[in-house]
């Protein structure tokens, strides 16, 4: 039975490594695509439009950060209360 457990553990470890490599490749591919899209948008947008889009993106990122902070604060309060 121990041999079987060792084989199962080895297969799981190999699978985790393979999934990690695939996720990293997917992340790199997505970053490359995003960079390409951004370069195309920058070349096609007028400077005023680009500034507007950048301001909107910054506002969205700030809102997302505030929401994450709110959720983390609520989770901390909930853990402290229980």
N, C-alpha and C. Protein backbone atom coordinates (compact mmCIF):
# COMPACT_ATOMS: atom_id res chain seq x y z
N UNK A 1 0.83 -1.20 0.00
CA UNK A 1 0.00 0.00 0.00
C UNK A 1 0.87 1.26 0.00
N UNK A 2 2.00 1.24 0.67
CA UNK A 2 2.88 2.40 0.72
C UNK A 2 3.44 2.76 -0.65
N UNK A 3 3.73 1.75 -1.44
CA UNK A 3 4.24 1.99 -2.78
C UNK A 3 3.19 2.72 -3.61
N UNK A 4 1.95 2.28 -3.49
CA UNK A 4 0.86 2.90 -4.22
C UNK A 4 0.67 4.36 -3.76
N UNK A 5 0.75 4.59 -2.45
CA UNK A 5 0.63 5.96 -1.93
C UNK A 5 1.76 6.85 -2.46
N UNK A 6 2.95 6.29 -2.53
CA UNK A 6 4.09 7.05 -3.05
C UNK A 6 3.90 7.38 -4.53
N UNK A 7 3.38 6.42 -5.28
CA UNK A 7 3.13 6.67 -6.70
C UNK A 7 2.05 7.73 -6.89
N UNK A 8 1.02 7.65 -6.08
CA UNK A 8 -0.06 8.65 -6.15
C UNK A 8 0.49 10.03 -5.82
N UNK A 9 1.29 10.13 -4.77
CA UNK A 9 1.89 11.41 -4.38
C UNK A 9 2.79 11.95 -5.48
N UNK A 10 3.57 11.07 -6.10
CA UNK A 10 4.46 11.50 -7.19
C UNK A 10 3.65 12.00 -8.39
N UNK A 11 2.57 11.28 -8.71
CA UNK A 11 1.72 11.69 -9.84
C UNK A 11 1.07 13.04 -9.55
N UNK A 12 0.62 13.24 -8.32
CA UNK A 12 0.02 14.52 -7.96
C UNK A 12 1.04 15.65 -8.03
N UNK A 13 2.23 15.39 -7.55
CA UNK A 13 3.28 16.41 -7.60
C UNK A 13 3.62 16.77 -9.04
N UNK A 14 3.73 15.76 -9.89
CA UNK A 14 4.02 16.01 -11.30
C UNK A 14 2.89 16.81 -11.94
N UNK A 15 1.66 16.46 -11.58
CA UNK A 15 0.50 17.16 -12.13
C UNK A 15 0.49 18.62 -11.67
N UNK A 16 0.80 18.86 -10.39
CA UNK A 16 0.86 20.23 -9.89
C UNK A 16 1.92 21.04 -10.62
N UNK A 17 3.09 20.43 -10.85
CA UNK A 17 4.16 21.13 -11.57
C UNK A 17 3.73 21.46 -12.99
N UNK A 18 3.10 20.49 -13.65
CA UNK A 18 2.64 20.69 -15.02
C UNK A 18 1.60 21.81 -15.08
N UNK A 19 0.66 21.80 -14.14
CA UNK A 19 -0.36 22.86 -14.10
C UNK A 19 0.27 24.22 -13.81
N UNK A 20 1.25 24.25 -12.93
CA UNK A 20 1.93 25.51 -12.64
C UNK A 20 2.63 26.05 -13.89
N UNK A 21 3.28 25.16 -14.63
CA UNK A 21 3.94 25.59 -15.88
C UNK A 21 2.91 26.12 -16.88
N UNK A 22 1.79 25.41 -17.01
CA UNK A 22 0.75 25.85 -17.94
C UNK A 22 0.14 27.18 -17.53
N UNK A 23 -0.09 27.36 -16.23
CA UNK A 23 -0.63 28.63 -15.76
C UNK A 23 0.35 29.77 -16.00
N UNK A 24 1.62 29.52 -15.77
CA UNK A 24 2.64 30.54 -16.01
C UNK A 24 2.71 30.89 -17.49
N UNK A 25 2.66 29.87 -18.35
CA UNK A 25 2.67 30.12 -19.79
C UNK A 25 1.44 30.93 -20.19
N UNK A 26 0.29 30.59 -19.64
CA UNK A 26 -0.94 31.33 -19.94
C UNK A 26 -0.81 32.78 -19.47
N UNK A 27 -0.22 33.00 -18.29
CA UNK A 27 -0.04 34.35 -17.77
C UNK A 27 0.90 35.14 -18.69
N UNK A 28 1.99 34.52 -19.12
CA UNK A 28 2.93 35.21 -20.03
C UNK A 28 2.28 35.53 -21.36
N UNK A 29 1.52 34.57 -21.91
CA UNK A 29 0.83 34.80 -23.19
C UNK A 29 -0.17 35.94 -23.06
N UNK A 30 -0.90 35.97 -21.94
CA UNK A 30 -1.89 37.03 -21.73
C UNK A 30 -1.20 38.39 -21.59
N UNK A 31 -0.07 38.42 -20.89
CA UNK A 31 0.67 39.68 -20.73
C UNK A 31 1.20 40.16 -22.09
N UNK A 32 1.66 39.22 -22.91
CA UNK A 32 2.14 39.58 -24.24
C UNK A 32 1.00 40.13 -25.10
N UNK A 33 -0.17 39.48 -25.03
CA UNK A 33 -1.33 39.94 -25.78
C UNK A 33 -1.77 41.33 -25.30
N UNK A 34 -1.81 41.51 -23.99
CA UNK A 34 -2.20 42.81 -23.45
C UNK A 34 -1.24 43.91 -23.90
N UNK A 35 0.04 43.61 -23.92
CA UNK A 35 1.03 44.59 -24.36
C UNK A 35 0.83 44.94 -25.84
N UNK A 36 0.52 43.93 -26.64
CA UNK A 36 0.28 44.16 -28.07
C UNK A 36 -0.97 45.01 -28.27
N UNK A 37 -2.04 44.68 -27.57
CA UNK A 37 -3.29 45.44 -27.68
C UNK A 37 -3.05 46.89 -27.25
N UNK A 38 -2.32 47.06 -26.16
CA UNK A 38 -2.03 48.40 -25.67
C UNK A 38 -1.22 49.21 -26.69
N UNK A 39 -0.25 48.56 -27.31
CA UNK A 39 0.56 49.25 -28.32
C UNK A 39 -0.31 49.68 -29.50
N UNK A 40 -1.21 48.80 -29.93
CA UNK A 40 -2.09 49.13 -31.05
C UNK A 40 -3.02 50.28 -30.66
N UNK A 41 -3.59 50.21 -29.47
CA UNK A 41 -4.48 51.29 -29.04
C UNK A 41 -3.74 52.62 -28.96
N UNK A 42 -2.54 52.60 -28.42
CA UNK A 42 -1.75 53.84 -28.32
C UNK A 42 -1.47 54.43 -29.70
N UNK A 43 -1.24 53.56 -30.68
CA UNK A 43 -0.93 54.07 -32.01
C UNK A 43 -2.17 54.61 -32.72
N UNK A 44 -3.36 54.15 -32.33
CA UNK A 44 -4.58 54.56 -33.02
C UNK A 44 -5.33 55.69 -32.32
N UNK A 45 -5.10 55.86 -31.03
CA UNK A 45 -5.85 56.88 -30.30
C UNK A 45 -5.12 58.22 -30.34
N UNK A 46 -5.94 59.26 -30.35
CA UNK A 46 -5.36 60.60 -30.23
C UNK A 46 -4.88 60.78 -28.79
N UNK A 47 -3.91 61.66 -28.58
CA UNK A 47 -3.39 61.85 -27.22
C UNK A 47 -4.47 62.19 -26.19
N UNK A 48 -5.45 63.00 -26.55
CA UNK A 48 -6.51 63.36 -25.61
C UNK A 48 -7.36 62.13 -25.26
N UNK A 49 -7.64 61.31 -26.28
CA UNK A 49 -8.42 60.10 -26.03
C UNK A 49 -7.63 59.12 -25.17
N UNK A 50 -6.33 59.03 -25.43
CA UNK A 50 -5.49 58.13 -24.65
C UNK A 50 -5.45 58.56 -23.19
N UNK A 51 -5.35 59.87 -22.95
CA UNK A 51 -5.35 60.38 -21.58
C UNK A 51 -6.67 60.06 -20.89
N UNK A 52 -7.76 60.17 -21.61
CA UNK A 52 -9.07 59.86 -21.06
C UNK A 52 -9.17 58.38 -20.69
N UNK A 53 -8.69 57.52 -21.56
CA UNK A 53 -8.74 56.08 -21.30
C UNK A 53 -7.84 55.74 -20.11
N UNK A 54 -6.66 56.36 -20.05
CA UNK A 54 -5.76 56.09 -18.92
C UNK A 54 -6.38 56.55 -17.61
N UNK A 55 -7.04 57.69 -17.62
CA UNK A 55 -7.69 58.19 -16.41
C UNK A 55 -8.82 57.25 -15.98
N UNK A 56 -9.57 56.77 -16.95
CA UNK A 56 -10.65 55.83 -16.64
C UNK A 56 -10.09 54.52 -16.06
N UNK A 57 -9.00 54.04 -16.64
CA UNK A 57 -8.37 52.81 -16.15
C UNK A 57 -7.85 52.99 -14.72
N UNK A 58 -7.23 54.13 -14.46
CA UNK A 58 -6.75 54.41 -13.11
C UNK A 58 -7.89 54.48 -12.11
N UNK A 59 -8.98 55.10 -12.50
CA UNK A 59 -10.15 55.19 -11.61
C UNK A 59 -10.71 53.79 -11.34
N UNK A 60 -10.75 52.96 -12.36
CA UNK A 60 -11.25 51.60 -12.19
C UNK A 60 -10.34 50.80 -11.27
N UNK A 61 -9.02 50.93 -11.45
CA UNK A 61 -8.09 50.23 -10.58
C UNK A 61 -8.21 50.70 -9.14
N UNK A 62 -8.38 52.01 -8.95
CA UNK A 62 -8.56 52.55 -7.60
C UNK A 62 -9.84 52.00 -6.96
N UNK A 63 -10.91 51.91 -7.74
CA UNK A 63 -12.18 51.38 -7.23
C UNK A 63 -12.03 49.91 -6.85
N UNK A 64 -11.31 49.15 -7.68
CA UNK A 64 -11.09 47.73 -7.37
C UNK A 64 -10.26 47.57 -6.11
N UNK A 65 -9.24 48.41 -5.95
CA UNK A 65 -8.41 48.34 -4.74
C UNK A 65 -9.23 48.69 -3.50
N UNK A 66 -10.09 49.69 -3.62
CA UNK A 66 -10.95 50.08 -2.49
C UNK A 66 -11.91 48.94 -2.13
N UNK A 67 -12.44 48.28 -3.13
CA UNK A 67 -13.36 47.16 -2.88
C UNK A 67 -12.63 46.01 -2.20
N UNK A 68 -11.41 45.69 -2.66
CA UNK A 68 -10.62 44.64 -2.01
C UNK A 68 -10.33 45.01 -0.57
N UNK A 69 -9.99 46.26 -0.34
CA UNK A 69 -9.72 46.73 1.02
C UNK A 69 -10.96 46.62 1.90
N UNK A 70 -12.11 46.99 1.35
CA UNK A 70 -13.36 46.91 2.10
C UNK A 70 -13.67 45.47 2.48
N UNK A 71 -13.49 44.55 1.51
CA UNK A 71 -13.75 43.13 1.79
C UNK A 71 -12.78 42.58 2.82
N UNK A 72 -11.52 42.97 2.72
CA UNK A 72 -10.52 42.48 3.69
C UNK A 72 -10.83 43.01 5.08
N UNK A 73 -11.22 44.27 5.17
CA UNK A 73 -11.57 44.87 6.46
C UNK A 73 -12.78 44.16 7.06
N UNK A 74 -13.79 43.88 6.23
CA UNK A 74 -14.99 43.19 6.70
C UNK A 74 -14.64 41.78 7.17
N UNK A 75 -13.76 41.10 6.45
CA UNK A 75 -13.36 39.74 6.84
C UNK A 75 -12.60 39.77 8.18
N UNK A 76 -11.72 40.77 8.35
CA UNK A 76 -11.00 40.89 9.62
C UNK A 76 -11.96 41.14 10.76
N UNK A 77 -12.92 42.01 10.54
CA UNK A 77 -13.91 42.31 11.58
C UNK A 77 -14.74 41.07 11.91
N UNK A 78 -15.10 40.32 10.89
CA UNK A 78 -15.90 39.11 11.10
C UNK A 78 -15.09 38.08 11.89
N UNK A 79 -13.80 37.93 11.56
CA UNK A 79 -12.96 36.99 12.31
C UNK A 79 -12.78 37.44 13.74
N UNK A 80 -12.65 38.75 13.96
CA UNK A 80 -12.47 39.27 15.31
C UNK A 80 -13.74 39.08 16.13
N UNK A 81 -14.89 39.17 15.50
CA UNK A 81 -16.17 39.03 16.20
C UNK A 81 -16.46 37.59 16.58
N UNK A 82 -15.92 36.65 15.82
CA UNK A 82 -16.24 35.24 16.10
C UNK A 82 -15.24 34.58 17.01
